Protein backbone atom coordinates (compact mmCIF):
# COMPACT_ATOMS: atom_id res chain seq x y z
CA MET A 1 158.91 -58.77 8.10
CA LYS A 2 157.69 -60.10 11.44
CA ASN A 3 154.58 -62.24 11.40
CA ILE A 4 152.36 -61.62 14.44
CA SER A 5 149.26 -63.35 15.76
CA SER A 6 147.86 -60.49 17.86
CA PHE A 7 147.40 -56.83 16.98
CA LYS A 8 147.56 -56.02 20.69
CA SER A 9 151.32 -56.61 20.73
CA LEU A 10 151.90 -53.49 18.58
CA VAL A 11 149.66 -50.99 20.34
CA LYS A 12 152.16 -49.73 22.91
CA ASN A 13 154.62 -48.72 20.17
CA TYR A 14 152.42 -46.21 18.33
CA ASP A 15 150.13 -43.22 18.92
CA PHE A 16 148.45 -42.98 15.50
CA PHE A 17 146.83 -45.90 13.69
CA LEU A 18 145.88 -45.45 10.01
CA PHE A 19 143.40 -48.13 9.00
CA ASP A 20 142.38 -49.07 5.52
CA GLN A 21 138.67 -49.97 5.45
CA TRP A 22 137.77 -52.51 2.75
CA GLY A 23 139.61 -55.78 3.42
CA VAL A 24 140.67 -54.75 6.92
CA LEU A 25 137.58 -53.54 8.81
CA HIS A 26 134.89 -54.91 6.48
CA ASN A 27 134.35 -56.60 3.12
CA GLY A 28 132.01 -53.97 1.72
CA HIS A 29 128.96 -55.87 2.96
CA LYS A 30 129.57 -56.68 6.62
CA LYS A 31 132.01 -55.63 9.31
CA PHE A 32 134.69 -57.90 10.74
CA PRO A 33 133.84 -58.18 14.47
CA GLN A 34 137.43 -58.90 15.48
CA ALA A 35 138.60 -55.77 13.69
CA GLU A 36 135.95 -53.75 15.51
CA GLU A 37 137.33 -55.06 18.81
CA CYS A 38 140.74 -53.73 17.82
CA LEU A 39 139.30 -50.25 17.33
CA LYS A 40 137.57 -50.44 20.72
CA TYR A 41 140.83 -51.51 22.35
CA LEU A 42 142.71 -48.59 20.81
CA LYS A 43 140.16 -46.08 22.10
CA LYS A 44 140.44 -47.57 25.60
CA LYS A 45 144.18 -46.94 25.34
CA ASN A 46 143.57 -43.34 24.19
CA LYS A 47 145.18 -43.93 20.82
CA LYS A 48 144.28 -41.93 17.70
CA VAL A 49 142.40 -43.91 15.07
CA ILE A 50 142.29 -42.65 11.47
CA LEU A 51 140.31 -44.38 8.73
CA ILE A 52 141.83 -43.81 5.31
CA SER A 53 140.07 -45.05 2.20
CA ASN A 54 140.59 -45.00 -1.55
CA SER A 55 136.85 -44.66 -2.01
CA SER A 56 136.07 -42.27 -4.85
CA ARG A 57 133.18 -40.81 -2.85
CA PRO A 58 133.50 -37.84 -0.47
CA THR A 59 134.08 -38.58 3.21
CA PRO A 60 130.46 -38.14 4.42
CA HIS A 61 129.43 -41.06 2.21
CA SER A 62 132.16 -43.23 3.72
CA ILE A 63 131.04 -42.35 7.23
CA SER A 64 127.44 -43.13 6.29
CA ASN A 65 128.50 -46.53 4.96
CA LEU A 66 130.46 -47.25 8.14
CA ASN A 67 127.35 -46.43 10.17
CA LYS A 68 125.29 -48.84 8.05
CA LEU A 69 127.88 -51.56 8.65
CA GLY A 70 127.65 -50.97 12.39
CA PHE A 71 130.80 -48.96 13.15
CA SER A 72 130.20 -46.27 15.76
CA GLU A 73 131.74 -42.87 14.99
CA GLU A 74 133.15 -42.97 18.53
CA LEU A 75 135.61 -45.65 17.39
CA TYR A 76 137.66 -43.31 15.20
CA ASP A 77 139.01 -39.78 15.37
CA TYR A 78 139.19 -38.93 11.67
CA CYS A 79 138.00 -40.39 8.38
CA ILE A 80 139.21 -39.33 4.95
CA THR A 81 138.73 -40.65 1.41
CA SER A 82 140.65 -40.17 -1.81
CA GLY A 83 137.41 -38.86 -3.30
CA GLN A 84 137.30 -36.10 -0.70
CA ILE A 85 140.92 -35.10 -1.36
CA ALA A 86 140.19 -35.06 -5.10
CA LEU A 87 137.13 -32.88 -4.48
CA ASN A 88 139.19 -30.54 -2.31
CA SER A 89 141.92 -30.31 -4.96
CA ILE A 90 140.03 -30.24 -8.25
CA LYS A 91 139.70 -26.45 -8.50
CA LYS A 92 143.36 -25.69 -7.79
CA ASP A 93 144.84 -28.59 -9.77
CA ILE A 94 142.39 -28.98 -12.65
CA TYR A 95 139.93 -26.12 -13.15
CA ASP A 96 142.33 -23.23 -12.57
CA ASN A 97 145.16 -24.66 -14.69
CA ILE A 98 143.56 -26.95 -17.26
CA GLY A 99 139.85 -26.18 -17.63
CA LYS A 100 136.43 -27.32 -16.45
CA ILE A 101 135.14 -29.57 -19.24
CA CYS A 102 135.31 -33.24 -18.29
CA TYR A 103 135.21 -36.38 -20.39
CA PRO A 104 133.69 -39.11 -18.15
CA LEU A 105 135.74 -42.28 -18.46
CA ASN A 106 133.11 -44.79 -17.33
CA LEU A 107 131.80 -42.42 -14.64
CA SER A 108 128.51 -43.15 -12.91
CA LYS A 109 125.87 -40.44 -12.55
CA ASP A 110 126.42 -40.19 -8.80
CA LYS A 111 130.14 -39.46 -9.31
CA ILE A 112 129.27 -36.78 -11.86
CA ASN A 113 126.89 -35.26 -9.32
CA PHE A 114 129.31 -35.52 -6.36
CA PHE A 115 131.92 -33.55 -8.27
CA ASN A 116 129.41 -31.26 -10.03
CA LEU A 117 131.17 -31.93 -13.32
CA VAL A 118 130.59 -30.18 -16.63
CA ILE A 119 130.47 -33.12 -19.02
CA THR A 120 131.23 -33.61 -22.70
CA LYS A 121 131.13 -36.86 -24.66
CA ASP A 122 133.54 -35.42 -27.25
CA ILE A 123 137.16 -36.03 -26.22
CA LYS A 124 138.36 -33.21 -28.48
CA LYS A 125 136.26 -30.70 -26.48
CA ALA A 126 137.39 -31.97 -23.06
CA ASN A 127 139.98 -30.30 -20.84
CA PHE A 128 140.44 -33.43 -18.73
CA ALA A 129 139.01 -36.90 -18.23
CA MET A 130 137.98 -38.54 -14.97
CA ILE A 131 137.70 -42.12 -13.76
CA ALA A 132 136.54 -43.50 -10.41
CA ASP A 133 135.17 -46.92 -9.44
CA LEU A 134 134.40 -49.45 -12.14
CA GLU A 135 131.66 -52.02 -12.45
CA SER A 136 132.84 -55.62 -12.34
CA GLY A 137 133.77 -57.48 -15.49
CA LEU A 138 135.68 -54.73 -17.26
CA THR A 139 139.23 -55.21 -18.54
CA ILE A 140 142.00 -52.97 -19.80
CA LEU A 141 140.89 -53.76 -23.36
CA ASP A 142 137.61 -51.94 -22.72
CA PHE A 143 139.58 -48.69 -22.31
CA ALA A 144 142.41 -49.09 -24.82
CA THR A 145 140.87 -47.15 -27.72
CA THR A 146 139.69 -44.29 -25.51
CA LEU A 147 143.06 -43.96 -23.77
CA ASP A 148 144.77 -43.79 -27.13
CA LYS A 149 142.44 -40.94 -28.20
CA MET A 150 143.04 -39.14 -24.90
CA LEU A 151 146.79 -39.41 -25.36
CA LYS A 152 146.64 -38.06 -28.92
CA ASN A 153 144.62 -35.07 -27.64
CA ASN A 154 146.87 -34.55 -24.60
CA ILE A 155 143.96 -35.00 -22.13
CA PRO A 156 145.00 -35.33 -18.45
CA LEU A 157 143.24 -37.99 -16.34
CA LEU A 158 141.88 -37.42 -12.84
CA CYS A 159 141.55 -40.69 -10.90
CA SER A 160 139.62 -40.46 -7.64
CA ASN A 161 140.19 -44.14 -6.69
CA PRO A 162 143.83 -45.20 -7.20
CA ASP A 163 143.23 -48.85 -6.19
CA PHE A 164 144.26 -51.44 -8.77
CA LEU A 165 141.89 -54.18 -7.63
CA VAL A 166 139.13 -54.85 -5.12
CA TYR A 167 138.42 -58.27 -3.61
CA ASP A 168 134.64 -58.44 -3.47
CA ASN A 169 132.55 -61.53 -2.74
CA LYS A 170 135.58 -63.77 -3.41
CA ASN A 171 136.11 -62.14 -6.80
CA LEU A 172 138.79 -59.70 -7.91
CA SER A 173 137.55 -56.71 -9.90
CA MET A 174 139.56 -54.00 -11.59
CA CYS A 175 139.48 -50.46 -10.17
CA GLY A 176 140.15 -47.09 -11.76
CA GLY A 177 143.74 -47.06 -10.53
CA THR A 178 144.67 -49.81 -12.98
CA ILE A 179 143.52 -47.66 -15.90
CA ALA A 180 145.22 -44.58 -14.46
CA GLN A 181 148.51 -46.48 -14.13
CA LEU A 182 148.22 -47.75 -17.70
CA TYR A 183 147.59 -44.23 -18.99
CA GLU A 184 150.61 -42.93 -17.11
CA ASP A 185 152.72 -45.78 -18.52
CA MET A 186 151.53 -44.74 -21.98
CA GLY A 187 152.83 -41.23 -21.34
CA GLY A 188 149.61 -39.58 -20.18
CA ARG A 189 149.38 -37.06 -17.35
CA VAL A 190 147.53 -38.41 -14.29
CA PHE A 191 146.26 -36.81 -11.06
CA ARG A 192 145.75 -39.18 -8.11
CA TYR A 193 145.02 -38.27 -4.48
CA GLY A 194 144.53 -41.45 -2.46
CA LYS A 195 146.95 -44.09 -1.22
CA PRO A 196 149.89 -44.35 -1.90
CA PHE A 197 150.09 -40.73 -3.03
CA ILE A 198 151.17 -37.94 -0.71
CA PRO A 199 148.13 -35.56 -0.68
CA ILE A 200 145.94 -37.79 1.49
CA TYR A 201 148.74 -38.27 4.03
CA LYS A 202 149.49 -34.54 4.15
CA ASP A 203 145.85 -33.97 5.02
CA ILE A 204 146.00 -36.53 7.86
CA ILE A 205 149.25 -35.11 9.24
CA LYS A 206 147.75 -31.62 9.28
CA GLN A 207 144.39 -32.62 10.76
CA MET A 208 145.85 -34.93 13.42
CA LYS A 209 148.90 -32.74 14.17
CA ILE A 210 151.33 -35.62 13.66
CA THR A 211 154.94 -34.62 14.33
CA LYS A 212 156.76 -37.97 14.58
CA SER A 213 156.48 -40.51 11.76
CA SER A 214 157.88 -43.17 14.10
CA LYS A 215 154.67 -42.99 16.13
CA VAL A 216 152.46 -43.85 13.13
CA ILE A 217 151.55 -47.26 11.75
CA VAL A 218 149.42 -48.04 8.70
CA ILE A 219 147.24 -51.14 8.69
CA GLY A 220 146.15 -52.37 5.29
CA ASP A 221 145.75 -55.32 2.95
CA SER A 222 147.22 -53.72 -0.18
CA LEU A 223 150.99 -53.77 -0.50
CA TRP A 224 150.62 -51.55 -3.58
CA HIS A 225 148.66 -48.85 -1.75
CA ASP A 226 148.48 -49.12 2.05
CA ILE A 227 152.01 -50.35 2.73
CA ALA A 228 153.58 -48.41 -0.15
CA GLY A 229 151.95 -45.19 1.06
CA GLY A 230 153.18 -45.76 4.58
CA ASN A 231 156.69 -46.40 3.29
CA GLU A 232 156.59 -43.12 1.35
CA MET A 233 155.81 -41.23 4.54
CA GLY A 234 158.22 -43.11 6.81
CA PHE A 235 155.41 -44.92 8.67
CA ASP A 236 155.64 -48.56 9.76
CA GLY A 237 153.21 -51.00 8.15
CA LEU A 238 151.09 -53.95 9.24
CA TRP A 239 150.04 -56.03 6.25
CA ILE A 240 146.74 -57.93 6.44
CA LYS A 241 147.26 -61.13 4.46
CA ASN A 242 143.64 -62.16 3.94
CA GLY A 243 142.78 -59.24 1.69
CA VAL A 244 143.38 -58.17 -1.88
CA HIS A 245 146.55 -60.29 -2.15
CA LYS A 246 144.91 -63.48 -0.87
CA PRO A 247 144.80 -65.08 -4.36
CA GLN A 248 148.57 -64.52 -4.63
CA LEU A 249 149.59 -66.10 -1.33
CA ASN A 250 150.14 -69.53 -2.89
CA LYS A 251 152.22 -68.05 -5.72
CA LYS A 252 155.52 -67.97 -3.83
CA LYS A 253 157.63 -66.13 -6.41
CA GLU A 254 154.96 -63.51 -7.02
CA ILE A 255 154.27 -62.75 -3.36
CA LYS A 256 158.00 -62.80 -2.52
CA LEU A 257 158.65 -60.15 -5.16
CA LEU A 258 155.88 -57.97 -3.73
CA LEU A 259 157.13 -58.40 -0.16
CA ASP A 260 160.71 -57.66 -1.19
CA THR A 261 159.49 -54.53 -2.97
CA TYR A 262 157.24 -53.10 -0.25
CA ASN A 263 158.72 -54.75 2.85
CA PRO A 264 156.01 -54.29 5.53
CA LYS A 265 157.39 -54.32 9.06
CA TYR A 266 154.67 -56.71 10.29
CA SER A 267 152.11 -59.09 8.88
CA ILE A 268 149.03 -60.77 10.33
CA LYS A 269 146.51 -63.13 8.77
CA GLU A 270 143.55 -60.95 9.78
CA LEU A 271 143.09 -58.04 12.15
CA LYS A 272 142.44 -59.35 15.66
CA LEU A 273 143.53 -58.83 19.25
């Protein structure tokens, strides 16, 4: 891994730049001005900018949030969310093969509406369960009993946000991806569409007409998701240190294990020219 101090040094090597949003371009509440300058620089160099997010909401909601944070739509060529890929895939993967009755695993009303779900509160009547974002303060123990019931009834789980954790207002909160991973480890069947899983990258490759993986770099703060997803596709990775792994940076053995596992090509403290 090569540690760099300026994003500008990488630009000449790539044509396509896949940016994570939360932790790289903004913190969910305000944009990072230096990151915005990087996007502007890329557009001046006629590079292709793709924003890729594990948000459980469809893409238009992500674009609306970017607008509210002050990011012009002229700064990127394509935006896609895991929620949008899940929405695009739910009929083929779930409804047509498994059924349409959903057990909401801590799903908010807006997620139920986005996906137009047919809901049951009885696990035994459900064809599948779904989980998305989680409110702060929840732990794995809050889901243990329900996951056990789902497993006994052979209920697949659709996860529209595969993130394990989010770093929000200096606090780490658990995301739906942690529960989805636990359920899979228990032996449950899980459907996931965001980073680091292939469907979201296939969509980008198709939409952007990418033919050479060597011309693509992913920029993200999550080794588990951004860098791992890039590795899966043969893309180089730039790891942003001051993101979701920030609390681990002083734990040398822990961060070394992660870096040895995911091996990003580059690292930088924060995204800046």
